[in-house]
Amino acid sequence: MRVRTWFIPFLLLLMSMLSLTPPIAVAASIAPAATATTGTEAPLQIVSGELPAVFPADFPVPADYTIAATNDDNGAISVIINVPNAKAAYDFYKDALPRAGYRVDDEDAVAIGDIGFAGGLAFSNATYTGHVGGVNFGFTDTQTIGIDLTRR
């Protein structure tokens, strides 16, 4: 399967953001308004269980997903979510996005041996363009997806 030009940078972004995301137990102990910066980039908003106010209400997010971190950079929204299973989350969004009014513009998924998975979808509607990507390397119980949305 051919890897799309957006997928590798998105996966690298997701992996770099994971190094800034505290474990679930630590995230729950941080006040929702806490922020962290690592330089000149926009602050990473550390939250627990809460999507940013600007996140579109029609975007599907299952109740068993845990919001780990968010960032709103002048309308470019990024969300890191801990999920029960990254592959199942990929499959969920592949099906749920069209039902929620988003067109899936591109998709890629790859198994990483017998232990891992990486996959991503590019999507859009009249208001937003975005990506959702998930990765699991098989050696951790925490599986994570990233969602980015940009207002047109």
C-alpha atoms as a PDB file:
ATOM      1  CA  MET A   1       0.000   0.000   0.000  1.00  0.00           C
ATOM      2  CA  ARG A   2       1.373   3.426  -1.006  1.00  0.00           C
ATOM      3  CA  VAL A   3       1.952   5.897   1.831  1.00  0.00           C
ATOM      4  CA  ARG A   4       0.427   9.319   1.083  1.00  0.00           C
ATOM      5  CA  THR A   5       2.540  12.457   1.335  1.00  0.00           C
ATOM      6  CA  TRP A   6       0.614  13.735   4.386  1.00  0.00           C
ATOM      7  CA  PHE A   7       0.755  10.483   6.330  1.00  0.00           C
ATOM      8  CA  ILE A   8       4.460  10.341   7.277  1.00  0.00           C
ATOM      9  CA  PRO A   9       4.631  13.965   8.563  1.00  0.00           C
ATOM     10  CA  PHE A  10       1.363  13.449  10.440  1.00  0.00           C
ATOM     11  CA  LEU A  11       2.633  10.220  12.003  1.00  0.00           C
ATOM     12  CA  LEU A  12       5.880  11.956  13.003  1.00  0.00           C
ATOM     13  CA  LEU A  13       3.887  14.850  14.498  1.00  0.00           C
ATOM     14  CA  LEU A  14       1.738  12.394  16.422  1.00  0.00           C
ATOM     15  CA  MET A  15       4.791  10.557  17.705  1.00  0.00           C
ATOM     16  CA  SER A  16       6.496  13.812  18.766  1.00  0.00           C
ATOM     17  CA  MET A  17       3.333  14.954  20.565  1.00  0.00           C
ATOM     18  CA  LEU A  18       3.194  11.633  22.389  1.00  0.00           C
ATOM     19  CA  SER A  19       6.456  12.486  24.085  1.00  0.00           C
ATOM     20  CA  LEU A  20       4.705  15.587  25.517  1.00  0.00           C
ATOM     21  CA  THR A  21       1.576  13.742  26.597  1.00  0.00           C
ATOM     22  CA  PRO A  22       1.615  12.624  30.220  1.00  0.00           C
ATOM     23  CA  PRO A  23       0.264   9.194  31.145  1.00  0.00           C
ATOM     24  CA  ILE A  24      -3.485   9.077  31.825  1.00  0.00           C
ATOM     25  CA  ALA A  25      -3.018   9.038  35.615  1.00  0.00           C
ATOM     26  CA  VAL A  26      -0.764  12.106  35.464  1.00  0.00           C
ATOM     27  CA  ALA A  27      -3.050  13.941  32.986  1.00  0.00           C
ATOM     28  CA  ALA A  28      -5.977  13.454  35.355  1.00  0.00           C
ATOM     29  CA  SER A  29      -4.055  15.177  38.133  1.00  0.00           C
ATOM     30  CA  ILE A  30      -3.203  18.272  36.066  1.00  0.00           C
ATOM     31  CA  ALA A  31      -5.633  21.193  36.166  1.00  0.00           C
ATOM     32  CA  PRO A  32      -7.543  21.530  32.870  1.00  0.00           C
ATOM     33  CA  ALA A  33      -6.053  24.981  32.259  1.00  0.00           C
ATOM     34  CA  ALA A  34      -2.434  23.818  32.548  1.00  0.00           C
ATOM     35  CA  THR A  35      -0.175  24.431  29.559  1.00  0.00           C
ATOM     36  CA  ALA A  36       3.320  23.426  28.575  1.00  0.00           C
ATOM     37  CA  THR A  37       5.626  24.915  25.976  1.00  0.00           C
ATOM     38  CA  THR A  38       8.842  23.609  24.533  1.00  0.00           C
ATOM     39  CA  GLY A  39       9.958  26.714  22.638  1.00  0.00           C
ATOM     40  CA  THR A  40       8.289  29.173  20.332  1.00  0.00           C
ATOM     41  CA  GLU A  41       5.355  26.982  19.259  1.00  0.00           C
ATOM     42  CA  ALA A  42       1.825  27.469  20.543  1.00  0.00           C
ATOM     43  CA  PRO A  43       1.189  26.067  24.032  1.00  0.00           C
ATOM     44  CA  LEU A  44       0.066  22.474  24.278  1.00  0.00           C
ATOM     45  CA  GLN A  45      -3.122  22.459  26.326  1.00  0.00           C
ATOM     46  CA  ILE A  46      -3.081  19.578  28.777  1.00  0.00           C
ATOM     47  CA  VAL A  47      -6.629  18.471  29.494  1.00  0.00           C
ATOM     48  CA  SER A  48      -8.373  15.424  30.819  1.00  0.00           C
ATOM     49  CA  GLY A  49     -11.631  14.355  29.242  1.00  0.00           C
ATOM     50  CA  GLU A  50     -12.462  17.659  27.572  1.00  0.00           C
ATOM     51  CA  LEU A  51     -12.417  18.716  23.930  1.00  0.00           C
ATOM     52  CA  PRO A  52     -11.603  22.353  23.146  1.00  0.00           C
ATOM     53  CA  ALA A  53     -14.598  24.697  22.896  1.00  0.00           C
ATOM     54  CA  VAL A  54     -13.853  25.268  19.192  1.00  0.00           C
ATOM     55  CA  PHE A  55     -13.959  21.536  18.376  1.00  0.00           C
ATOM     56  CA  PRO A  56     -16.866  20.860  15.962  1.00  0.00           C
ATOM     57  CA  ALA A  57     -19.897  19.397  17.730  1.00  0.00           C
ATOM     58  CA  ASP A  58     -20.682  17.106  14.770  1.00  0.00           C
ATOM     59  CA  PHE A  59     -17.269  15.368  14.868  1.00  0.00           C
ATOM     60  CA  PRO A  60     -17.671  11.840  16.289  1.00  0.00           C
ATOM     61  CA  VAL A  61     -15.712  11.003  19.460  1.00  0.00           C
ATOM     62  CA  PRO A  62     -16.814   7.828  21.293  1.00  0.00           C
ATOM     63  CA  ALA A  63     -17.425   8.086  25.042  1.00  0.00           C
ATOM     64  CA  ASP A  64     -14.711   5.526  25.884  1.00  0.00           C
ATOM     65  CA  TYR A  65     -11.978   7.689  24.313  1.00  0.00           C
ATOM     66  CA  THR A  66      -9.903   9.768  26.761  1.00  0.00           C
ATOM     67  CA  ILE A  67      -8.766  13.234  25.712  1.00  0.00           C
ATOM     68  CA  ALA A  68      -5.061  13.472  26.591  1.00  0.00           C
ATOM     69  CA  ALA A  69      -3.997  16.811  25.073  1.00  0.00           C
ATOM     70  CA  THR A  70      -5.315  19.540  22.802  1.00  0.00           C
ATOM     71  CA  ASN A  71      -3.937  22.549  21.001  1.00  0.00           C
ATOM     72  CA  ASP A  72      -5.815  25.353  19.231  1.00  0.00           C
ATOM     73  CA  ASP A  73      -3.416  27.381  17.105  1.00  0.00           C
ATOM     74  CA  ASN A  74      -5.603  30.120  15.612  1.00  0.00           C
ATOM     75  CA  GLY A  75      -8.232  27.689  14.358  1.00  0.00           C
ATOM     76  CA  ALA A  76      -5.904  24.770  13.601  1.00  0.00           C
ATOM     77  CA  ILE A  77      -7.058  22.250  16.196  1.00  0.00           C
ATOM     78  CA  SER A  78      -4.997  19.235  17.283  1.00  0.00           C
ATOM     79  CA  VAL A  79      -6.258  16.610  19.718  1.00  0.00           C
ATOM     80  CA  ILE A  80      -4.428  13.593  21.136  1.00  0.00           C
ATOM     81  CA  ILE A  81      -6.767  10.853  22.341  1.00  0.00           C
ATOM     82  CA  ASN A  82      -6.027   7.630  24.220  1.00  0.00           C
ATOM     83  CA  VAL A  83      -8.135   4.835  22.761  1.00  0.00           C
ATOM     84  CA  PRO A  84      -8.754   1.180  23.628  1.00  0.00           C
ATOM     85  CA  ASN A  85      -7.373   0.078  20.236  1.00  0.00           C
ATOM     86  CA  ALA A  86      -5.762   2.226  17.499  1.00  0.00           C
ATOM     87  CA  LYS A  87      -6.795  -0.122  14.673  1.00  0.00           C
ATOM     88  CA  ALA A  88     -10.403  -0.186  15.906  1.00  0.00           C
ATOM     89  CA  ALA A  89     -10.333   3.641  16.127  1.00  0.00           C
ATOM     90  CA  TYR A  90      -9.072   3.839  12.528  1.00  0.00           C
ATOM     91  CA  ASP A  91     -11.883   1.514  11.423  1.00  0.00           C
ATOM     92  CA  PHE A  92     -14.408   3.523  13.444  1.00  0.00           C
ATOM     93  CA  TYR A  93     -13.443   6.814  11.798  1.00  0.00           C
ATOM     94  CA  LYS A  94     -13.337   5.259   8.339  1.00  0.00           C
ATOM     95  CA  ASP A  95     -17.021   4.412   8.824  1.00  0.00           C
ATOM     96  CA  ALA A  96     -18.223   7.226  11.120  1.00  0.00           C
ATOM     97  CA  LEU A  97     -16.781  10.247   9.306  1.00  0.00           C
ATOM     98  CA  PRO A  98     -18.964   9.846   6.177  1.00  0.00           C
ATOM     99  CA  ARG A  99     -22.037   9.304   8.372  1.00  0.00           C
ATOM    100  CA  ALA A 100     -21.211  12.561  10.194  1.00  0.00           C
ATOM    101  CA  GLY A 101     -20.979  14.517   6.927  1.00  0.00           C
ATOM    102  CA  TYR A 102     -17.227  14.359   6.331  1.00  0.00           C
ATOM    103  CA  ARG A 103     -15.779  12.998   3.083  1.00  0.00           C
ATOM    104  CA  VAL A 104     -12.798  10.621   3.430  1.00  0.00           C
ATOM    105  CA  ASP A 105     -10.355  12.024   0.875  1.00  0.00           C
ATOM    106  CA  ASP A 106      -7.447   9.644   1.430  1.00  0.00           C
ATOM    107  CA  GLU A 107      -6.564   6.673   3.609  1.00  0.00           C
ATOM    108  CA  ASP A 108      -3.573   4.515   4.476  1.00  0.00           C
ATOM    109  CA  ALA A 109      -2.947   1.778   6.992  1.00  0.00           C
ATOM    110  CA  VAL A 110      -0.056  -0.554   7.602  1.00  0.00           C
ATOM    111  CA  ALA A 111       0.570  -3.421   9.994  1.00  0.00           C
ATOM    112  CA  ILE A 112       3.888  -3.203  11.833  1.00  0.00           C
ATOM    113  CA  GLY A 113       4.834  -6.836  11.989  1.00  0.00           C
ATOM    114  CA  ASP A 114       2.567  -8.847  14.241  1.00  0.00           C
ATOM    115  CA  ILE A 115       2.601  -6.303  17.062  1.00  0.00           C
ATOM    116  CA  GLY A 116       1.737  -2.891  15.676  1.00  0.00           C
ATOM    117  CA  PHE A 117      -0.438  -0.741  13.466  1.00  0.00           C
ATOM    118  CA  ALA A 118      -0.282   2.711  11.910  1.00  0.00           C
ATOM    119  CA  GLY A 119      -3.093   4.242   9.911  1.00  0.00           C
ATOM    120  CA  GLY A 120      -4.465   7.578   8.875  1.00  0.00           C
ATOM    121  CA  LEU A 121      -7.361   9.213   7.086  1.00  0.00           C
ATOM    122  CA  ALA A 122      -7.572  12.608   5.402  1.00  0.00           C
ATOM    123  CA  PHE A 123     -11.078  14.062   5.485  1.00  0.00           C
ATOM    124  CA  SER A 124     -13.010  17.228   4.735  1.00  0.00           C
ATOM    125  CA  ASN A 125     -16.425  18.837   4.705  1.00  0.00           C
ATOM    126  CA  ALA A 126     -17.644  22.317   3.795  1.00  0.00           C
ATOM    127  CA  THR A 127     -16.112  23.797   6.966  1.00  0.00           C
ATOM    128  CA  TYR A 128     -13.009  21.749   7.816  1.00  0.00           C
ATOM    129  CA  THR A 129     -10.152  19.744   6.374  1.00  0.00           C
ATOM    130  CA  GLY A 130      -8.279  17.357   8.614  1.00  0.00           C
ATOM    131  CA  HIS A 131      -6.561  14.105   9.411  1.00  0.00           C
ATOM    132  CA  VAL A 132      -7.009  11.356  11.935  1.00  0.00           C
ATOM    133  CA  GLY A 133      -4.169   8.934  12.540  1.00  0.00           C
ATOM    134  CA  GLY A 134      -3.462   6.166  14.978  1.00  0.00           C
ATOM    135  CA  VAL A 135      -0.432   4.215  15.983  1.00  0.00           C
ATOM    136  CA  ASN A 136       0.236   1.280  18.267  1.00  0.00           C
ATOM    137  CA  PHE A 137       3.663  -0.258  18.579  1.00  0.00           C
ATOM    138  CA  GLY A 138       2.409  -3.244  20.539  1.00  0.00           C
ATOM    139  CA  PHE A 139       4.635  -2.745  23.573  1.00  0.00           C
ATOM    140  CA  THR A 140       2.350  -0.412  25.504  1.00  0.00           C
ATOM    141  CA  ASP A 141      -1.165  -0.645  26.876  1.00  0.00           C
ATOM    142  CA  THR A 142      -1.887   2.949  25.847  1.00  0.00           C
ATOM    143  CA  GLN A 143      -2.881   3.315  22.235  1.00  0.00           C
ATOM    144  CA  THR A 144      -3.237   6.773  20.795  1.00  0.00           C
ATOM    145  CA  ILE A 145      -4.803   8.627  17.896  1.00  0.00           C
ATOM    146  CA  GLY A 146      -4.330  12.205  16.779  1.00  0.00           C
ATOM    147  CA  ILE A 147      -6.925  14.396  15.116  1.00  0.00           C
ATOM    148  CA  ASP A 148      -6.134  17.670  13.410  1.00  0.00           C
ATOM    149  CA  LEU A 149      -8.758  20.018  11.973  1.00  0.00           C
ATOM    150  CA  THR A 150      -8.275  23.243  10.058  1.00  0.00           C
ATOM    151  CA  ARG A 151     -11.122  25.608   9.294  1.00  0.00           C
ATOM    152  CA  ARG A 152     -11.378  26.331   5.555  1.00  0.00           C
END
